[in-house]
Amino acid sequence: MARTAEVKRKTKETDIEVRIDLDGKGIADIDTGIGFFDHMLSALSKHSGIDIALKCKGDLNVDAHHSVEDVGISLGQALAGALGDKVGIVRFASARCPLDEALGDAVVDISGRPYLVFDCEFAADKCGEMDTQLFEEFFRAFAVNAGITLHISCPYGVNDHHKAEAMFKSLARALRTAISIDERFKDEVISTKGVL
């Protein structure tokens, strides 16, 4: 059964279309109008193995906030849709990814209980044209709408580009494991409740 989903979201601030395939090859076709954000989402796709086709037209004349948050909402909804009833998934996973001097750390539980813990301090206000404070906004919108618990951090690093990219890559690798099928439990939900 194909684990795919498509989400269309249109508001007065953004117009977004996203399609994902959880069992893809990490092929990214992404255009948000925010170059650095496209770079991060492409890394998320590549290292998770999730194919992501995403287009966002947002009110960038205001700033990038609405686009980044709404992309997080849409991508989270797509992940939840593609996972369906979550039968057979590994569910829990963690990953640590370095990028030169920076270390990204991500722990996920595809639990149906949305929660974000974010811990990273940036030195500058922007990476490229993207406000660094928007990384937390993206991760929160994504976690809440995907229905996952996400703890993500950069415990150390100097370069803000490296910090952000290390976190996106660590999230990607954690998701890659968490969404994979555990052959020992492929016909059941890994929960004492019986549902996620």
C-alpha atoms as a PDB file:
ATOM      1  CA  MET A   1       0.000   0.000   0.000  1.00  0.00           C
ATOM      2  CA  ALA A   2       1.385   3.370  -1.008  1.00  0.00           C
ATOM      3  CA  ARG A   3       2.275   5.651   1.865  1.00  0.00           C
ATOM      4  CA  THR A   4       1.648   8.938   0.095  1.00  0.00           C
ATOM      5  CA  ALA A   5      -0.326  12.091   0.782  1.00  0.00           C
ATOM      6  CA  GLU A   6      -1.175  15.400  -0.813  1.00  0.00           C
ATOM      7  CA  VAL A   7      -2.165  18.562   1.021  1.00  0.00           C
ATOM      8  CA  LYS A   8      -3.421  21.835  -0.423  1.00  0.00           C
ATOM      9  CA  ARG A   9      -3.693  24.804   1.895  1.00  0.00           C
ATOM     10  CA  LYS A  10      -4.796  28.253   0.796  1.00  0.00           C
ATOM     11  CA  THR A  11      -5.234  31.271   3.049  1.00  0.00           C
ATOM     12  CA  LYS A  12      -5.026  35.027   2.541  1.00  0.00           C
ATOM     13  CA  GLU A  13      -1.327  34.721   3.435  1.00  0.00           C
ATOM     14  CA  THR A  14      -0.141  31.580   1.653  1.00  0.00           C
ATOM     15  CA  ASP A  15      -1.027  29.142  -1.123  1.00  0.00           C
ATOM     16  CA  ILE A  16       0.667  25.775  -0.605  1.00  0.00           C
ATOM     17  CA  GLU A  17       0.646  22.421  -2.381  1.00  0.00           C
ATOM     18  CA  VAL A  18       2.665  19.513  -0.999  1.00  0.00           C
ATOM     19  CA  ARG A  19       2.946  15.868  -2.036  1.00  0.00           C
ATOM     20  CA  ILE A  20       5.022  13.303  -0.165  1.00  0.00           C
ATOM     21  CA  ASP A  21       5.981   9.658  -0.574  1.00  0.00           C
ATOM     22  CA  LEU A  22       7.362   8.092   2.599  1.00  0.00           C
ATOM     23  CA  ASP A  23       8.950   5.248   0.649  1.00  0.00           C
ATOM     24  CA  GLY A  24      10.691   7.392  -1.921  1.00  0.00           C
ATOM     25  CA  LYS A  25      14.310   8.118  -2.723  1.00  0.00           C
ATOM     26  CA  GLY A  26      14.625  11.526  -1.076  1.00  0.00           C
ATOM     27  CA  ILE A  27      13.764  13.425  -4.248  1.00  0.00           C
ATOM     28  CA  ALA A  28      12.981  17.084  -3.521  1.00  0.00           C
ATOM     29  CA  ASP A  29      11.153  19.566  -5.732  1.00  0.00           C
ATOM     30  CA  ILE A  30      10.777  22.542  -3.424  1.00  0.00           C
ATOM     31  CA  ASP A  31      10.065  26.228  -3.981  1.00  0.00           C
ATOM     32  CA  THR A  32       8.990  28.409  -1.067  1.00  0.00           C
ATOM     33  CA  GLY A  33      10.533  31.627  -2.313  1.00  0.00           C
ATOM     34  CA  ILE A  34      12.942  31.485   0.636  1.00  0.00           C
ATOM     35  CA  GLY A  35      16.271  30.140  -0.578  1.00  0.00           C
ATOM     36  CA  PHE A  36      17.704  29.002   2.737  1.00  0.00           C
ATOM     37  CA  PHE A  37      14.430  27.314   3.727  1.00  0.00           C
ATOM     38  CA  ASP A  38      14.394  25.452   0.393  1.00  0.00           C
ATOM     39  CA  HIS A  39      17.921  24.258   1.183  1.00  0.00           C
ATOM     40  CA  MET A  40      16.834  22.948   4.610  1.00  0.00           C
ATOM     41  CA  LEU A  41      13.728  21.209   3.263  1.00  0.00           C
ATOM     42  CA  SER A  42      15.781  19.608   0.489  1.00  0.00           C
ATOM     43  CA  ALA A  43      18.160  18.238   3.140  1.00  0.00           C
ATOM     44  CA  LEU A  44      15.161  16.937   5.100  1.00  0.00           C
ATOM     45  CA  SER A  45      13.926  15.123   2.002  1.00  0.00           C
ATOM     46  CA  LYS A  46      17.281  13.693   0.946  1.00  0.00           C
ATOM     47  CA  HIS A  47      18.328  12.314   4.324  1.00  0.00           C
ATOM     48  CA  SER A  48      14.891  10.974   5.321  1.00  0.00           C
ATOM     49  CA  GLY A  49      14.311   9.244   1.995  1.00  0.00           C
ATOM     50  CA  ILE A  50      10.932  10.992   1.781  1.00  0.00           C
ATOM     51  CA  ASP A  51      10.092  12.393  -1.653  1.00  0.00           C
ATOM     52  CA  ILE A  52       8.783  15.932  -1.168  1.00  0.00           C
ATOM     53  CA  ALA A  53       7.213  18.093  -3.867  1.00  0.00           C
ATOM     54  CA  LEU A  54       6.278  21.433  -2.321  1.00  0.00           C
ATOM     55  CA  LYS A  55       5.309  24.812  -3.717  1.00  0.00           C
ATOM     56  CA  CYS A  56       4.490  27.822  -1.552  1.00  0.00           C
ATOM     57  CA  LYS A  57       3.429  31.279  -2.658  1.00  0.00           C
ATOM     58  CA  GLY A  58       3.424  33.478   0.417  1.00  0.00           C
ATOM     59  CA  ASP A  59       3.260  37.101   1.444  1.00  0.00           C
ATOM     60  CA  LEU A  60       7.028  37.533   1.484  1.00  0.00           C
ATOM     61  CA  ASN A  61       6.487  41.265   1.099  1.00  0.00           C
ATOM     62  CA  VAL A  62       5.495  41.129   4.781  1.00  0.00           C
ATOM     63  CA  ASP A  63       8.162  38.652   5.908  1.00  0.00           C
ATOM     64  CA  ALA A  64       8.804  34.908   5.804  1.00  0.00           C
ATOM     65  CA  HIS A  65       6.876  33.999   8.955  1.00  0.00           C
ATOM     66  CA  HIS A  66       3.559  32.990   7.386  1.00  0.00           C
ATOM     67  CA  SER A  67       5.253  30.947   4.660  1.00  0.00           C
ATOM     68  CA  VAL A  68       7.534  29.049   7.053  1.00  0.00           C
ATOM     69  CA  GLU A  69       4.810  28.302   9.587  1.00  0.00           C
ATOM     70  CA  ASP A  70       2.242  27.284   6.967  1.00  0.00           C
ATOM     71  CA  VAL A  71       4.749  25.022   5.221  1.00  0.00           C
ATOM     72  CA  GLY A  72       5.311  23.362   8.606  1.00  0.00           C
ATOM     73  CA  ILE A  73       1.548  22.922   9.012  1.00  0.00           C
ATOM     74  CA  SER A  74       1.100  21.483   5.518  1.00  0.00           C
ATOM     75  CA  LEU A  75       4.117  19.185   5.652  1.00  0.00           C
ATOM     76  CA  GLY A  76       3.046  17.913   9.082  1.00  0.00           C
ATOM     77  CA  GLN A  77      -0.470  17.203   7.816  1.00  0.00           C
ATOM     78  CA  ALA A  78       0.980  15.370   4.831  1.00  0.00           C
ATOM     79  CA  LEU A  79       3.164  13.199   7.072  1.00  0.00           C
ATOM     80  CA  ALA A  80       0.191  12.331   9.273  1.00  0.00           C
ATOM     81  CA  GLY A  81      -1.900  11.489   6.215  1.00  0.00           C
ATOM     82  CA  ALA A  82       0.774   9.302   4.653  1.00  0.00           C
ATOM     83  CA  LEU A  83       1.290   7.396   7.916  1.00  0.00           C
ATOM     84  CA  GLY A  84      -2.414   6.588   8.190  1.00  0.00           C
ATOM     85  CA  ASP A  85      -3.146   4.263  11.123  1.00  0.00           C
ATOM     86  CA  LYS A  86       0.617   3.842  11.777  1.00  0.00           C
ATOM     87  CA  VAL A  87       0.439   0.053  11.715  1.00  0.00           C
ATOM     88  CA  GLY A  88       3.903  -1.508  11.760  1.00  0.00           C
ATOM     89  CA  ILE A  89       6.005   1.637  12.104  1.00  0.00           C
ATOM     90  CA  VAL A  90       9.068   1.645  14.359  1.00  0.00           C
ATOM     91  CA  ARG A  91       7.623   4.794  16.009  1.00  0.00           C
ATOM     92  CA  PHE A  92      10.546   5.903  18.227  1.00  0.00           C
ATOM     93  CA  ALA A  93      13.871   7.081  16.844  1.00  0.00           C
ATOM     94  CA  SER A  94      16.748   9.425  17.493  1.00  0.00           C
ATOM     95  CA  ALA A  95      19.636  10.723  15.439  1.00  0.00           C
ATOM     96  CA  ARG A  96      22.652  12.951  15.912  1.00  0.00           C
ATOM     97  CA  CYS A  97      24.229  14.576  12.876  1.00  0.00           C
ATOM     98  CA  PRO A  98      27.300  16.806  12.826  1.00  0.00           C
ATOM     99  CA  LEU A  99      28.041  19.537  10.356  1.00  0.00           C
ATOM    100  CA  ASP A 100      31.615  20.610  10.956  1.00  0.00           C
ATOM    101  CA  GLU A 101      31.649  22.204  14.432  1.00  0.00           C
ATOM    102  CA  ALA A 102      27.865  22.009  15.005  1.00  0.00           C
ATOM    103  CA  LEU A 103      25.887  19.024  16.278  1.00  0.00           C
ATOM    104  CA  GLY A 104      22.198  18.436  15.603  1.00  0.00           C
ATOM    105  CA  ASP A 105      20.211  16.157  17.887  1.00  0.00           C
ATOM    106  CA  ALA A 106      16.656  14.936  17.212  1.00  0.00           C
ATOM    107  CA  VAL A 107      14.424  12.488  19.076  1.00  0.00           C
ATOM    108  CA  VAL A 108      10.969  11.632  17.738  1.00  0.00           C
ATOM    109  CA  ASP A 109       7.953   9.647  18.864  1.00  0.00           C
ATOM    110  CA  ILE A 110       5.206   9.247  16.277  1.00  0.00           C
ATOM    111  CA  SER A 111       2.759   9.144  19.122  1.00  0.00           C
ATOM    112  CA  GLY A 112      -0.325  11.111  18.201  1.00  0.00           C
ATOM    113  CA  ARG A 113       0.681  13.430  21.041  1.00  0.00           C
ATOM    114  CA  PRO A 114       2.095  16.620  19.509  1.00  0.00           C
ATOM    115  CA  TYR A 115       4.843  18.328  21.468  1.00  0.00           C
ATOM    116  CA  LEU A 116       7.998  20.272  20.706  1.00  0.00           C
ATOM    117  CA  VAL A 117      11.100  20.861  22.773  1.00  0.00           C
ATOM    118  CA  PHE A 118      13.492  23.158  20.892  1.00  0.00           C
ATOM    119  CA  ASP A 119      16.915  24.131  22.188  1.00  0.00           C
ATOM    120  CA  CYS A 120      19.234  26.124  19.959  1.00  0.00           C
ATOM    121  CA  GLU A 121      20.737  29.572  20.242  1.00  0.00           C
ATOM    122  CA  PHE A 122      21.653  31.421  17.085  1.00  0.00           C
ATOM    123  CA  ALA A 123      24.283  34.136  16.895  1.00  0.00           C
ATOM    124  CA  ALA A 124      22.705  36.137  14.089  1.00  0.00           C
ATOM    125  CA  ASP A 125      19.181  37.247  13.181  1.00  0.00           C
ATOM    126  CA  LYS A 126      19.203  35.606   9.755  1.00  0.00           C
ATOM    127  CA  CYS A 127      20.508  32.705   7.695  1.00  0.00           C
ATOM    128  CA  GLY A 128      20.405  34.054   4.176  1.00  0.00           C
ATOM    129  CA  GLU A 129      17.053  35.832   4.030  1.00  0.00           C
ATOM    130  CA  MET A 130      15.439  33.581   6.658  1.00  0.00           C
ATOM    131  CA  ASP A 131      14.972  34.796  10.230  1.00  0.00           C
ATOM    132  CA  THR A 132      16.654  32.337  12.578  1.00  0.00           C
ATOM    133  CA  GLN A 133      13.720  32.545  15.010  1.00  0.00           C
ATOM    134  CA  LEU A 134      11.565  30.904  12.333  1.00  0.00           C
ATOM    135  CA  PHE A 135      13.303  27.538  12.680  1.00  0.00           C
ATOM    136  CA  GLU A 136      11.515  26.938  15.975  1.00  0.00           C
ATOM    137  CA  GLU A 137       8.233  28.058  14.378  1.00  0.00           C
ATOM    138  CA  PHE A 138       8.671  25.517  11.577  1.00  0.00           C
ATOM    139  CA  PHE A 139       9.521  22.635  13.893  1.00  0.00           C
ATOM    140  CA  ARG A 140       6.545  23.453  16.156  1.00  0.00           C
ATOM    141  CA  ALA A 141       4.052  23.684  13.276  1.00  0.00           C
ATOM    142  CA  PHE A 142       5.417  20.471  11.783  1.00  0.00           C
ATOM    143  CA  ALA A 143       5.342  18.502  15.055  1.00  0.00           C
ATOM    144  CA  VAL A 144       1.860  19.671  16.066  1.00  0.00           C
ATOM    145  CA  ASN A 145       0.290  18.920  12.689  1.00  0.00           C
ATOM    146  CA  ALA A 146       2.131  15.623  12.209  1.00  0.00           C
ATOM    147  CA  GLY A 147       1.041  14.532  15.684  1.00  0.00           C
ATOM    148  CA  ILE A 148       4.563  13.730  16.814  1.00  0.00           C
ATOM    149  CA  THR A 149       6.624  14.438  19.876  1.00  0.00           C
ATOM    150  CA  LEU A 150       9.830  16.119  18.746  1.00  0.00           C
ATOM    151  CA  HIS A 151      12.836  17.079  20.838  1.00  0.00           C
ATOM    152  CA  ILE A 152      15.354  18.893  18.669  1.00  0.00           C
ATOM    153  CA  SER A 153      18.469  20.760  19.639  1.00  0.00           C
ATOM    154  CA  CYS A 154      21.915  21.966  18.735  1.00  0.00           C
ATOM    155  CA  PRO A 155      23.957  21.588  21.917  1.00  0.00           C
ATOM    156  CA  TYR A 156      26.973  23.308  20.410  1.00  0.00           C
ATOM    157  CA  GLY A 157      28.156  25.043  17.273  1.00  0.00           C
ATOM    158  CA  VAL A 158      29.376  28.390  15.997  1.00  0.00           C
ATOM    159  CA  ASN A 159      28.086  28.856  12.458  1.00  0.00           C
ATOM    160  CA  ASP A 160      24.311  29.392  12.285  1.00  0.00           C
ATOM    161  CA  HIS A 161      24.035  27.757   8.858  1.00  0.00           C
ATOM    162  CA  HIS A 162      25.726  24.663  10.251  1.00  0.00           C
ATOM    163  CA  LYS A 163      23.492  24.628  13.345  1.00  0.00           C
ATOM    164  CA  ALA A 164      20.271  24.778  11.348  1.00  0.00           C
ATOM    165  CA  GLU A 165      21.370  22.232   8.776  1.00  0.00           C
ATOM    166  CA  ALA A 166      22.597  19.791  11.428  1.00  0.00           C
ATOM    167  CA  MET A 167      19.162  19.930  13.090  1.00  0.00           C
ATOM    168  CA  PHE A 168      17.280  19.361   9.834  1.00  0.00           C
ATOM    169  CA  LYS A 169      19.534  16.435   8.978  1.00  0.00           C
ATOM    170  CA  SER A 170      19.149  14.900  12.422  1.00  0.00           C
ATOM    171  CA  LEU A 171      15.355  15.212  12.134  1.00  0.00           C
ATOM    172  CA  ALA A 172      15.537  13.592   8.704  1.00  0.00           C
ATOM    173  CA  ARG A 173      17.515  10.608   9.942  1.00  0.00           C
ATOM    174  CA  ALA A 174      15.276  10.169  12.984  1.00  0.00           C
ATOM    175  CA  LEU A 175      12.169  10.253  10.778  1.00  0.00           C
ATOM    176  CA  ARG A 176      13.722   7.785   8.353  1.00  0.00           C
ATOM    177  CA  THR A 177      13.927   5.222  11.147  1.00  0.00           C
ATOM    178  CA  ALA A 178      10.674   6.101  12.938  1.00  0.00           C
ATOM    179  CA  ILE A 179       8.499   5.785   9.796  1.00  0.00           C
ATOM    180  CA  SER A 180      10.110   2.539   8.670  1.00  0.00           C
ATOM    181  CA  ILE A 181       8.237  -0.741   9.061  1.00  0.00           C
ATOM    182  CA  ASP A 182       9.334  -3.069  11.856  1.00  0.00           C
ATOM    183  CA  GLU A 183       8.945  -6.538  10.319  1.00  0.00           C
ATOM    184  CA  ARG A 184       8.371  -8.145  13.733  1.00  0.00           C
ATOM    185  CA  PHE A 185       5.343  -5.912  14.330  1.00  0.00           C
ATOM    186  CA  LYS A 186       4.269  -5.186  10.749  1.00  0.00           C
ATOM    187  CA  ASP A 187       0.615  -6.040  11.412  1.00  0.00           C
ATOM    188  CA  GLU A 188       0.149  -4.133  14.658  1.00  0.00           C
ATOM    189  CA  VAL A 189       0.493  -0.718  16.225  1.00  0.00           C
ATOM    190  CA  ILE A 190       3.401  -0.506  18.639  1.00  0.00           C
ATOM    191  CA  SER A 191       1.477   0.832  21.630  1.00  0.00           C
ATOM    192  CA  THR A 192       0.034  -0.693  24.773  1.00  0.00           C
ATOM    193  CA  LYS A 193      -3.174   1.213  23.926  1.00  0.00           C
ATOM    194  CA  GLY A 194      -3.414  -0.471  20.549  1.00  0.00           C
ATOM    195  CA  VAL A 195      -3.702   2.861  18.725  1.00  0.00           C
ATOM    196  CA  LEU A 196      -1.515   5.867  18.056  1.00  0.00           C
END
